[in-house]
């Protein structure tokens, strides 16, 4: 986005969005025919996508629970949070401590509408309408300032979102991570994962397809080495950077991808100190 450009509040049912496609894969109802049609076309080339989405959601729930229970994190800032489903970040974290504060960030107006309806009676959680690349705007937002104390450890989430933004020296994933980490207290955590493939043809197909389907609201499918670069300077916690269903699994019966043409890859990093 250009400096000063405002996000649109218009919802275009004819143009798929990553948030609504993800909602469809998770069995949600907040999506349109265009989103479902795009998913069907995607499945023809990358058929493991539904299981990938389910495993990514389970990863999010496990990592939030781990941060709350084992590391005492009581503040979460979730970039590109998507449409609310069951067991959202605030629900998982507040089961450990009801006083936990959560701020969700998303640029999809449908996320804002549904999220605020869900949270209208929860003053410990907020949804703000912002582009994840606008770090200054997010950190200065009244709800962020009200709920997050950046002098104390916080968990910042970039869960399956960086493939939605292109490479750019000023606003690509590496730059966004650097800006955010510079603002966090020692002992804070950063969760990052994205869609990756080591198959050049898969990367090109999905990148081109999603860029066209979403009318430019897409970045690219990357490789594992790209994701690893974002963790530079962070202490990577066990089990390291992995396909996310293998990150501290709590069950052996979770669905497994039948094909590995692409995977969700990432992990959990901690700011030393």
C-alpha atoms as a PDB file:
ATOM      1  CA  UNK A   1       0.000   0.000   0.000  1.00  0.00           C
ATOM      2  CA  UNK A   2       1.106   3.559  -0.666  1.00  0.00           C
ATOM      3  CA  UNK A   3       1.676   5.933   2.278  1.00  0.00           C
ATOM      4  CA  UNK A   4      -1.595   7.541   3.314  1.00  0.00           C
ATOM      5  CA  UNK A   5      -3.727   5.103   1.342  1.00  0.00           C
ATOM      6  CA  UNK A   6      -6.775   3.943   3.286  1.00  0.00           C
ATOM      7  CA  UNK A   7      -8.073   0.406   3.339  1.00  0.00           C
ATOM      8  CA  UNK A   8     -11.386  -0.167   1.641  1.00  0.00           C
ATOM      9  CA  UNK A   9     -14.363  -1.272   3.711  1.00  0.00           C
ATOM     10  CA  UNK A  10     -16.120  -2.670   0.632  1.00  0.00           C
ATOM     11  CA  UNK A  11     -16.718  -6.423   0.501  1.00  0.00           C
ATOM     12  CA  UNK A  12     -16.548  -7.774  -3.063  1.00  0.00           C
ATOM     13  CA  UNK A  13     -18.167 -11.211  -3.146  1.00  0.00           C
ATOM     14  CA  UNK A  14     -16.967 -11.783  -6.722  1.00  0.00           C
ATOM     15  CA  UNK A  15     -13.259 -11.602  -5.881  1.00  0.00           C
ATOM     16  CA  UNK A  16     -11.811 -14.379  -3.703  1.00  0.00           C
ATOM     17  CA  UNK A  17      -9.768 -13.458  -0.642  1.00  0.00           C
ATOM     18  CA  UNK A  18      -7.227 -15.593   1.171  1.00  0.00           C
ATOM     19  CA  UNK A  19      -9.142 -15.143   4.448  1.00  0.00           C
ATOM     20  CA  UNK A  20     -12.438 -16.412   3.006  1.00  0.00           C
ATOM     21  CA  UNK A  21     -10.758 -19.279   1.137  1.00  0.00           C
ATOM     22  CA  UNK A  22      -9.089 -20.314   4.397  1.00  0.00           C
ATOM     23  CA  UNK A  23     -12.471 -20.089   6.130  1.00  0.00           C
ATOM     24  CA  UNK A  24     -13.942 -22.446   3.507  1.00  0.00           C
ATOM     25  CA  UNK A  25     -11.128 -24.949   3.962  1.00  0.00           C
ATOM     26  CA  UNK A  26     -11.761 -24.931   7.719  1.00  0.00           C
ATOM     27  CA  UNK A  27     -15.463 -25.664   7.172  1.00  0.00           C
ATOM     28  CA  UNK A  28     -16.638 -22.134   7.923  1.00  0.00           C
ATOM     29  CA  UNK A  29     -19.656 -20.353   6.451  1.00  0.00           C
ATOM     30  CA  UNK A  30     -18.221 -16.852   5.971  1.00  0.00           C
ATOM     31  CA  UNK A  31     -17.261 -17.274   2.322  1.00  0.00           C
ATOM     32  CA  UNK A  32     -18.785 -16.857  -1.123  1.00  0.00           C
ATOM     33  CA  UNK A  33     -19.150 -18.869  -4.318  1.00  0.00           C
ATOM     34  CA  UNK A  34     -16.064 -17.199  -5.779  1.00  0.00           C
ATOM     35  CA  UNK A  35     -13.976 -18.322  -2.804  1.00  0.00           C
ATOM     36  CA  UNK A  36     -15.230 -21.903  -3.044  1.00  0.00           C
ATOM     37  CA  UNK A  37     -14.644 -22.003  -6.801  1.00  0.00           C
ATOM     38  CA  UNK A  38     -11.067 -20.788  -6.319  1.00  0.00           C
ATOM     39  CA  UNK A  39     -10.484 -23.526  -3.736  1.00  0.00           C
ATOM     40  CA  UNK A  40     -11.782 -26.160  -6.149  1.00  0.00           C
ATOM     41  CA  UNK A  41      -9.402 -24.969  -8.858  1.00  0.00           C
ATOM     42  CA  UNK A  42      -6.493 -24.906  -6.417  1.00  0.00           C
ATOM     43  CA  UNK A  43      -7.260 -28.432  -5.256  1.00  0.00           C
ATOM     44  CA  UNK A  44      -6.783 -29.771  -8.770  1.00  0.00           C
ATOM     45  CA  UNK A  45      -3.054 -29.005  -8.596  1.00  0.00           C
ATOM     46  CA  UNK A  46      -2.354 -28.984  -4.848  1.00  0.00           C
ATOM     47  CA  UNK A  47      -4.870 -31.499  -3.442  1.00  0.00           C
ATOM     48  CA  UNK A  48      -3.510 -31.502   0.104  1.00  0.00           C
ATOM     49  CA  UNK A  49      -4.549 -27.893   0.738  1.00  0.00           C
ATOM     50  CA  UNK A  50      -7.562 -28.610   2.962  1.00  0.00           C
ATOM     51  CA  UNK A  51      -5.562 -30.850   5.301  1.00  0.00           C
ATOM     52  CA  UNK A  52      -2.753 -28.287   5.196  1.00  0.00           C
ATOM     53  CA  UNK A  53      -5.193 -25.595   6.363  1.00  0.00           C
ATOM     54  CA  UNK A  54      -6.533 -27.785   9.170  1.00  0.00           C
ATOM     55  CA  UNK A  55      -3.040 -28.647  10.368  1.00  0.00           C
ATOM     56  CA  UNK A  56      -2.039 -25.003  10.261  1.00  0.00           C
ATOM     57  CA  UNK A  57      -5.002 -24.100  12.462  1.00  0.00           C
ATOM     58  CA  UNK A  58      -4.044 -26.815  14.938  1.00  0.00           C
ATOM     59  CA  UNK A  59      -0.474 -25.511  14.954  1.00  0.00           C
ATOM     60  CA  UNK A  60      -1.741 -22.045  15.841  1.00  0.00           C
ATOM     61  CA  UNK A  61      -3.751 -23.425  18.739  1.00  0.00           C
ATOM     62  CA  UNK A  62      -0.814 -25.504  20.020  1.00  0.00           C
ATOM     63  CA  UNK A  63       1.716 -22.692  19.831  1.00  0.00           C
ATOM     64  CA  UNK A  64      -0.621 -20.203  21.556  1.00  0.00           C
ATOM     65  CA  UNK A  65      -1.370 -22.732  24.298  1.00  0.00           C
ATOM     66  CA  UNK A  66       2.344 -23.415  24.716  1.00  0.00           C
ATOM     67  CA  UNK A  67       3.175 -19.718  24.974  1.00  0.00           C
ATOM     68  CA  UNK A  68       0.453 -19.154  27.563  1.00  0.00           C
ATOM     69  CA  UNK A  69       1.086 -22.250  29.704  1.00  0.00           C
ATOM     70  CA  UNK A  70       4.836 -22.778  29.499  1.00  0.00           C
ATOM     71  CA  UNK A  71       6.165 -19.260  28.964  1.00  0.00           C
ATOM     72  CA  UNK A  72       3.577 -17.158  30.789  1.00  0.00           C
ATOM     73  CA  UNK A  73       2.725 -14.940  27.836  1.00  0.00           C
ATOM     74  CA  UNK A  74      -0.344 -12.808  28.515  1.00  0.00           C
ATOM     75  CA  UNK A  75      -0.227 -10.509  25.470  1.00  0.00           C
ATOM     76  CA  UNK A  76      -0.724 -11.554  21.839  1.00  0.00           C
ATOM     77  CA  UNK A  77      -0.609  -9.467  18.658  1.00  0.00           C
ATOM     78  CA  UNK A  78      -1.956 -11.520  15.747  1.00  0.00           C
ATOM     79  CA  UNK A  79      -1.185 -10.186  12.253  1.00  0.00           C
ATOM     80  CA  UNK A  80      -3.455 -11.348   9.437  1.00  0.00           C
ATOM     81  CA  UNK A  81      -5.737 -13.142  11.861  1.00  0.00           C
ATOM     82  CA  UNK A  82      -8.409 -14.124   9.341  1.00  0.00           C
ATOM     83  CA  UNK A  83     -12.073 -14.821   9.974  1.00  0.00           C
ATOM     84  CA  UNK A  84     -12.995 -15.981  13.480  1.00  0.00           C
ATOM     85  CA  UNK A  85     -13.560 -19.697  13.902  1.00  0.00           C
ATOM     86  CA  UNK A  86     -13.638 -21.883  16.993  1.00  0.00           C
ATOM     87  CA  UNK A  87     -10.629 -21.893  19.334  1.00  0.00           C
ATOM     88  CA  UNK A  88      -9.327 -18.517  18.287  1.00  0.00           C
ATOM     89  CA  UNK A  89      -6.157 -17.080  19.819  1.00  0.00           C
ATOM     90  CA  UNK A  90      -7.994 -15.222  22.593  1.00  0.00           C
ATOM     91  CA  UNK A  91     -10.063 -18.284  23.484  1.00  0.00           C
ATOM     92  CA  UNK A  92      -7.033 -20.591  23.695  1.00  0.00           C
ATOM     93  CA  UNK A  93      -4.969 -18.092  25.691  1.00  0.00           C
ATOM     94  CA  UNK A  94      -7.779 -16.975  27.993  1.00  0.00           C
ATOM     95  CA  UNK A  95      -8.484 -20.564  28.989  1.00  0.00           C
ATOM     96  CA  UNK A  96      -5.052 -20.436  30.620  1.00  0.00           C
ATOM     97  CA  UNK A  97      -5.525 -16.937  32.059  1.00  0.00           C
ATOM     98  CA  UNK A  98      -8.767 -14.986  31.516  1.00  0.00           C
ATOM     99  CA  UNK A  99      -6.838 -11.722  31.918  1.00  0.00           C
ATOM    100  CA  UNK A 100      -4.839 -12.281  28.707  1.00  0.00           C
ATOM    101  CA  UNK A 101      -5.000  -9.459  26.156  1.00  0.00           C
ATOM    102  CA  UNK A 102      -5.206 -10.105  22.401  1.00  0.00           C
ATOM    103  CA  UNK A 103      -5.168  -7.739  19.427  1.00  0.00           C
ATOM    104  CA  UNK A 104      -6.102  -9.093  15.997  1.00  0.00           C
ATOM    105  CA  UNK A 105      -4.990  -7.288  12.826  1.00  0.00           C
ATOM    106  CA  UNK A 106      -6.447  -7.870   9.358  1.00  0.00           C
ATOM    107  CA  UNK A 107      -7.017  -5.880   6.172  1.00  0.00           C
ATOM    108  CA  UNK A 108     -10.142  -7.805   5.118  1.00  0.00           C
ATOM    109  CA  UNK A 109     -13.274  -5.769   6.008  1.00  0.00           C
ATOM    110  CA  UNK A 110     -15.265  -8.972   6.485  1.00  0.00           C
ATOM    111  CA  UNK A 111     -12.837 -10.011   9.235  1.00  0.00           C
ATOM    112  CA  UNK A 112     -13.406  -6.672  10.950  1.00  0.00           C
ATOM    113  CA  UNK A 113     -17.201  -6.973  10.850  1.00  0.00           C
ATOM    114  CA  UNK A 114     -17.362 -10.562  12.082  1.00  0.00           C
ATOM    115  CA  UNK A 115     -14.545 -10.179  14.590  1.00  0.00           C
ATOM    116  CA  UNK A 116     -16.035  -7.132  16.267  1.00  0.00           C
ATOM    117  CA  UNK A 117     -19.435  -8.817  16.451  1.00  0.00           C
ATOM    118  CA  UNK A 118     -17.829 -11.786  18.182  1.00  0.00           C
ATOM    119  CA  UNK A 119     -15.871  -9.635  20.621  1.00  0.00           C
ATOM    120  CA  UNK A 120     -18.327  -6.842  21.398  1.00  0.00           C
ATOM    121  CA  UNK A 121     -18.529  -7.835  25.067  1.00  0.00           C
ATOM    122  CA  UNK A 122     -14.833  -8.686  25.521  1.00  0.00           C
ATOM    123  CA  UNK A 123     -12.798  -5.638  26.562  1.00  0.00           C
ATOM    124  CA  UNK A 124      -9.561  -7.662  26.707  1.00  0.00           C
ATOM    125  CA  UNK A 125      -9.597  -8.407  22.970  1.00  0.00           C
ATOM    126  CA  UNK A 126      -9.826  -6.160  19.916  1.00  0.00           C
ATOM    127  CA  UNK A 127      -9.821  -6.386  16.116  1.00  0.00           C
ATOM    128  CA  UNK A 128      -8.200  -3.566  14.152  1.00  0.00           C
ATOM    129  CA  UNK A 129      -8.468  -2.956  10.422  1.00  0.00           C
ATOM    130  CA  UNK A 130      -4.925  -2.470   9.129  1.00  0.00           C
ATOM    131  CA  UNK A 131      -2.385  -3.735   6.647  1.00  0.00           C
ATOM    132  CA  UNK A 132       0.157  -5.955   8.427  1.00  0.00           C
ATOM    133  CA  UNK A 133       2.960  -4.011   6.715  1.00  0.00           C
ATOM    134  CA  UNK A 134       1.993  -0.771   8.484  1.00  0.00           C
ATOM    135  CA  UNK A 135       3.843  -1.409  11.711  1.00  0.00           C
ATOM    136  CA  UNK A 136       3.734   2.198  12.923  1.00  0.00           C
ATOM    137  CA  UNK A 137      -0.030   2.363  12.397  1.00  0.00           C
ATOM    138  CA  UNK A 138      -0.629  -0.957  14.168  1.00  0.00           C
ATOM    139  CA  UNK A 139       1.533  -0.165  17.193  1.00  0.00           C
ATOM    140  CA  UNK A 140       0.038   3.332  17.537  1.00  0.00           C
ATOM    141  CA  UNK A 141      -3.575   2.192  17.195  1.00  0.00           C
ATOM    142  CA  UNK A 142      -5.638   3.095  20.286  1.00  0.00           C
ATOM    143  CA  UNK A 143      -6.682  -0.521  20.856  1.00  0.00           C
ATOM    144  CA  UNK A 144      -3.078  -1.724  20.634  1.00  0.00           C
ATOM    145  CA  UNK A 145      -1.952   0.951  23.069  1.00  0.00           C
ATOM    146  CA  UNK A 146      -4.848   0.097  25.383  1.00  0.00           C
ATOM    147  CA  UNK A 147      -4.219  -3.647  25.447  1.00  0.00           C
ATOM    148  CA  UNK A 148      -0.516  -4.270  24.796  1.00  0.00           C
ATOM    149  CA  UNK A 149       2.348  -3.148  27.030  1.00  0.00           C
ATOM    150  CA  UNK A 150       5.438  -3.430  24.828  1.00  0.00           C
ATOM    151  CA  UNK A 151       7.771  -2.964  27.787  1.00  0.00           C
ATOM    152  CA  UNK A 152       6.804  -6.523  28.746  1.00  0.00           C
ATOM    153  CA  UNK A 153       7.111  -9.746  26.718  1.00  0.00           C
ATOM    154  CA  UNK A 154       4.490 -10.212  24.010  1.00  0.00           C
ATOM    155  CA  UNK A 155       3.875 -12.911  21.411  1.00  0.00           C
ATOM    156  CA  UNK A 156       3.580 -11.600  17.858  1.00  0.00           C
ATOM    157  CA  UNK A 157       1.958 -13.931  15.352  1.00  0.00           C
ATOM    158  CA  UNK A 158       2.485 -14.086  11.583  1.00  0.00           C
ATOM    159  CA  UNK A 159       0.659 -17.347  11.053  1.00  0.00           C
ATOM    160  CA  UNK A 160       0.319 -18.323   7.387  1.00  0.00           C
ATOM    161  CA  UNK A 161       0.193 -14.727   6.156  1.00  0.00           C
ATOM    162  CA  UNK A 162       3.507 -13.728   4.587  1.00  0.00           C
ATOM    163  CA  UNK A 163       2.690 -15.503   1.334  1.00  0.00           C
ATOM    164  CA  UNK A 164       0.015 -12.800   0.956  1.00  0.00           C
ATOM    165  CA  UNK A 165       2.590 -10.011   0.564  1.00  0.00           C
ATOM    166  CA  UNK A 166       5.242  -9.637  -2.156  1.00  0.00           C
ATOM    167  CA  UNK A 167       8.981  -9.286  -1.707  1.00  0.00           C
ATOM    168  CA  UNK A 168       9.910  -5.658  -1.185  1.00  0.00           C
ATOM    169  CA  UNK A 169      12.942  -4.108   0.455  1.00  0.00           C
ATOM    170  CA  UNK A 170      10.801  -1.743   2.529  1.00  0.00           C
ATOM    171  CA  UNK A 171       7.634  -3.784   3.118  1.00  0.00           C
ATOM    172  CA  UNK A 172       8.380  -7.429   2.365  1.00  0.00           C
ATOM    173  CA  UNK A 173       8.348 -10.108   5.081  1.00  0.00           C
ATOM    174  CA  UNK A 174      11.962  -9.543   6.145  1.00  0.00           C
ATOM    175  CA  UNK A 175      11.412  -5.811   6.580  1.00  0.00           C
ATOM    176  CA  UNK A 176       8.152  -6.292   8.495  1.00  0.00           C
ATOM    177  CA  UNK A 177       9.738  -8.776  10.880  1.00  0.00           C
ATOM    178  CA  UNK A 178      12.716  -6.483  11.467  1.00  0.00           C
ATOM    179  CA  UNK A 179      10.497  -3.487  12.276  1.00  0.00           C
ATOM    180  CA  UNK A 180       8.365  -5.496  14.689  1.00  0.00           C
ATOM    181  CA  UNK A 181      11.239  -7.232  16.477  1.00  0.00           C
ATOM    182  CA  UNK A 182      12.988  -3.894  17.064  1.00  0.00           C
ATOM    183  CA  UNK A 183       9.961  -2.777  19.106  1.00  0.00           C
ATOM    184  CA  UNK A 184       9.628  -5.855  21.311  1.00  0.00           C
ATOM    185  CA  UNK A 185      11.005  -6.411  24.786  1.00  0.00           C
ATOM    186  CA  UNK A 186      13.594  -9.148  25.399  1.00  0.00           C
ATOM    187  CA  UNK A 187      11.859 -12.440  26.098  1.00  0.00           C
ATOM    188  CA  UNK A 188       9.134 -11.737  23.542  1.00  0.00           C
ATOM    189  CA  UNK A 189       8.207 -14.352  20.952  1.00  0.00           C
ATOM    190  CA  UNK A 190       7.538 -14.351  17.222  1.00  0.00           C
ATOM    191  CA  UNK A 191       5.516 -17.097  15.509  1.00  0.00           C
ATOM    192  CA  UNK A 192       6.036 -17.347  11.750  1.00  0.00           C
ATOM    193  CA  UNK A 193       5.028 -19.833   9.096  1.00  0.00           C
ATOM    194  CA  UNK A 194       4.020 -19.690   5.455  1.00  0.00           C
ATOM    195  CA  UNK A 195       3.255 -21.845   2.441  1.00  0.00           C
ATOM    196  CA  UNK A 196       6.431 -23.206   0.873  1.00  0.00           C
ATOM    197  CA  UNK A 197       7.396 -25.635  -1.852  1.00  0.00           C
ATOM    198  CA  UNK A 198      10.698 -26.914  -3.128  1.00  0.00           C
ATOM    199  CA  UNK A 199       9.036 -27.593  -6.493  1.00  0.00           C
ATOM    200  CA  UNK A 200       9.524 -24.601  -8.800  1.00  0.00           C
ATOM    201  CA  UNK A 201       6.488 -25.508 -10.921  1.00  0.00           C
ATOM    202  CA  UNK A 202       4.203 -25.651  -7.876  1.00  0.00           C
ATOM    203  CA  UNK A 203       5.526 -22.329  -6.608  1.00  0.00           C
ATOM    204  CA  UNK A 204       4.892 -20.672  -9.965  1.00  0.00           C
ATOM    205  CA  UNK A 205       1.427 -22.165 -10.471  1.00  0.00           C
ATOM    206  CA  UNK A 206       0.066 -21.295  -7.028  1.00  0.00           C
ATOM    207  CA  UNK A 207       1.667 -17.853  -6.995  1.00  0.00           C
ATOM    208  CA  UNK A 208       0.261 -16.985 -10.433  1.00  0.00           C
ATOM    209  CA  UNK A 209      -3.145 -18.526  -9.692  1.00  0.00           C
ATOM    210  CA  UNK A 210      -3.632 -16.757  -6.366  1.00  0.00           C
ATOM    211  CA  UNK A 211      -2.326 -13.451  -7.682  1.00  0.00           C
ATOM    212  CA  UNK A 212      -4.856 -13.568 -10.510  1.00  0.00           C
ATOM    213  CA  UNK A 213      -7.730 -14.918  -8.402  1.00  0.00           C
ATOM    214  CA  UNK A 214      -7.317 -12.292  -5.669  1.00  0.00           C
ATOM    215  CA  UNK A 215      -6.605  -9.502  -8.165  1.00  0.00           C
ATOM    216  CA  UNK A 216      -3.132  -8.791  -6.878  1.00  0.00           C
ATOM    217  CA  UNK A 217      -3.646  -9.398  -3.154  1.00  0.00           C
ATOM    218  CA  UNK A 218      -0.918 -12.006  -3.011  1.00  0.00           C
ATOM    219  CA  UNK A 219       2.825 -12.356  -2.618  1.00  0.00           C
ATOM    220  CA  UNK A 220       4.365 -15.686  -3.514  1.00  0.00           C
ATOM    221  CA  UNK A 221       4.880 -19.244  -2.392  1.00  0.00           C
ATOM    222  CA  UNK A 222       8.428 -19.350  -1.062  1.00  0.00           C
ATOM    223  CA  UNK A 223      11.018 -21.925  -0.019  1.00  0.00           C
ATOM    224  CA  UNK A 224      12.070 -23.149   3.413  1.00  0.00           C
ATOM    225  CA  UNK A 225      15.290 -21.124   3.238  1.00  0.00           C
ATOM    226  CA  UNK A 226      13.264 -17.921   2.851  1.00  0.00           C
ATOM    227  CA  UNK A 227      11.349 -18.621   6.055  1.00  0.00           C
ATOM    228  CA  UNK A 228      14.545 -19.524   7.919  1.00  0.00           C
ATOM    229  CA  UNK A 229      15.986 -16.120   7.001  1.00  0.00           C
ATOM    230  CA  UNK A 230      13.186 -14.316   8.834  1.00  0.00           C
ATOM    231  CA  UNK A 231      14.302 -15.915  12.123  1.00  0.00           C
ATOM    232  CA  UNK A 232      17.788 -14.407  11.957  1.00  0.00           C
ATOM    233  CA  UNK A 233      18.723 -13.044  15.386  1.00  0.00           C
ATOM    234  CA  UNK A 234      15.988 -15.019  17.149  1.00  0.00           C
ATOM    235  CA  UNK A 235      16.453 -18.075  19.330  1.00  0.00           C
ATOM    236  CA  UNK A 236      14.516 -20.823  17.558  1.00  0.00           C
ATOM    237  CA  UNK A 237      12.756 -23.065  20.058  1.00  0.00           C
ATOM    238  CA  UNK A 238      12.486 -26.835  19.721  1.00  0.00           C
ATOM    239  CA  UNK A 239      11.701 -28.644  17.495  1.00  0.00           C
ATOM    240  CA  UNK A 240      13.056 -25.940  15.196  1.00  0.00           C
ATOM    241  CA  UNK A 241      11.569 -24.944  11.853  1.00  0.00           C
ATOM    242  CA  UNK A 242       9.357 -27.744  10.579  1.00  0.00           C
ATOM    243  CA  UNK A 243       6.243 -28.646   8.626  1.00  0.00           C
ATOM    244  CA  UNK A 244       3.781 -27.352  11.188  1.00  0.00           C
ATOM    245  CA  UNK A 245       1.941 -30.601  11.942  1.00  0.00           C
ATOM    246  CA  UNK A 246       5.278 -31.772  13.376  1.00  0.00           C
ATOM    247  CA  UNK A 247       5.593 -28.834  15.789  1.00  0.00           C
ATOM    248  CA  UNK A 248       5.081 -30.356  19.257  1.00  0.00           C
ATOM    249  CA  UNK A 249       2.143 -32.542  18.145  1.00  0.00           C
ATOM    250  CA  UNK A 250      -0.320 -33.373  20.904  1.00  0.00           C
ATOM    251  CA  UNK A 251      -1.782 -36.368  19.084  1.00  0.00           C
ATOM    252  CA  UNK A 252      -0.673 -39.044  16.654  1.00  0.00           C
ATOM    253  CA  UNK A 253      -4.049 -39.239  14.935  1.00  0.00           C
ATOM    254  CA  UNK A 254      -4.210 -35.742  13.437  1.00  0.00           C
ATOM    255  CA  UNK A 255      -4.786 -35.752   9.676  1.00  0.00           C
ATOM    256  CA  UNK A 256      -1.612 -35.974   7.620  1.00  0.00           C
ATOM    257  CA  UNK A 257      -1.024 -34.523   4.217  1.00  0.00           C
ATOM    258  CA  UNK A 258      -1.270 -37.245   1.617  1.00  0.00           C
ATOM    259  CA  UNK A 259       0.892 -35.272  -0.795  1.00  0.00           C
ATOM    260  CA  UNK A 260       3.705 -32.843  -0.076  1.00  0.00           C
ATOM    261  CA  UNK A 261       3.617 -30.651  -3.169  1.00  0.00           C
ATOM    262  CA  UNK A 262       3.544 -27.751  -0.729  1.00  0.00           C
ATOM    263  CA  UNK A 263       3.599 -27.466   3.044  1.00  0.00           C
ATOM    264  CA  UNK A 264       3.100 -24.954   5.826  1.00  0.00           C
ATOM    265  CA  UNK A 265       6.579 -24.382   7.260  1.00  0.00           C
ATOM    266  CA  UNK A 266       7.775 -22.392  10.251  1.00  0.00           C
ATOM    267  CA  UNK A 267       8.142 -22.302  14.007  1.00  0.00           C
ATOM    268  CA  UNK A 268       8.614 -20.220  17.136  1.00  0.00           C
ATOM    269  CA  UNK A 269      11.417 -17.730  17.826  1.00  0.00           C
ATOM    270  CA  UNK A 270      12.317 -15.860  21.016  1.00  0.00           C
ATOM    271  CA  UNK A 271      14.076 -12.519  21.351  1.00  0.00           C
ATOM    272  CA  UNK A 272      17.185 -13.126  23.491  1.00  0.00           C
ATOM    273  CA  UNK A 273      17.692 -11.299  26.738  1.00  0.00           C
END
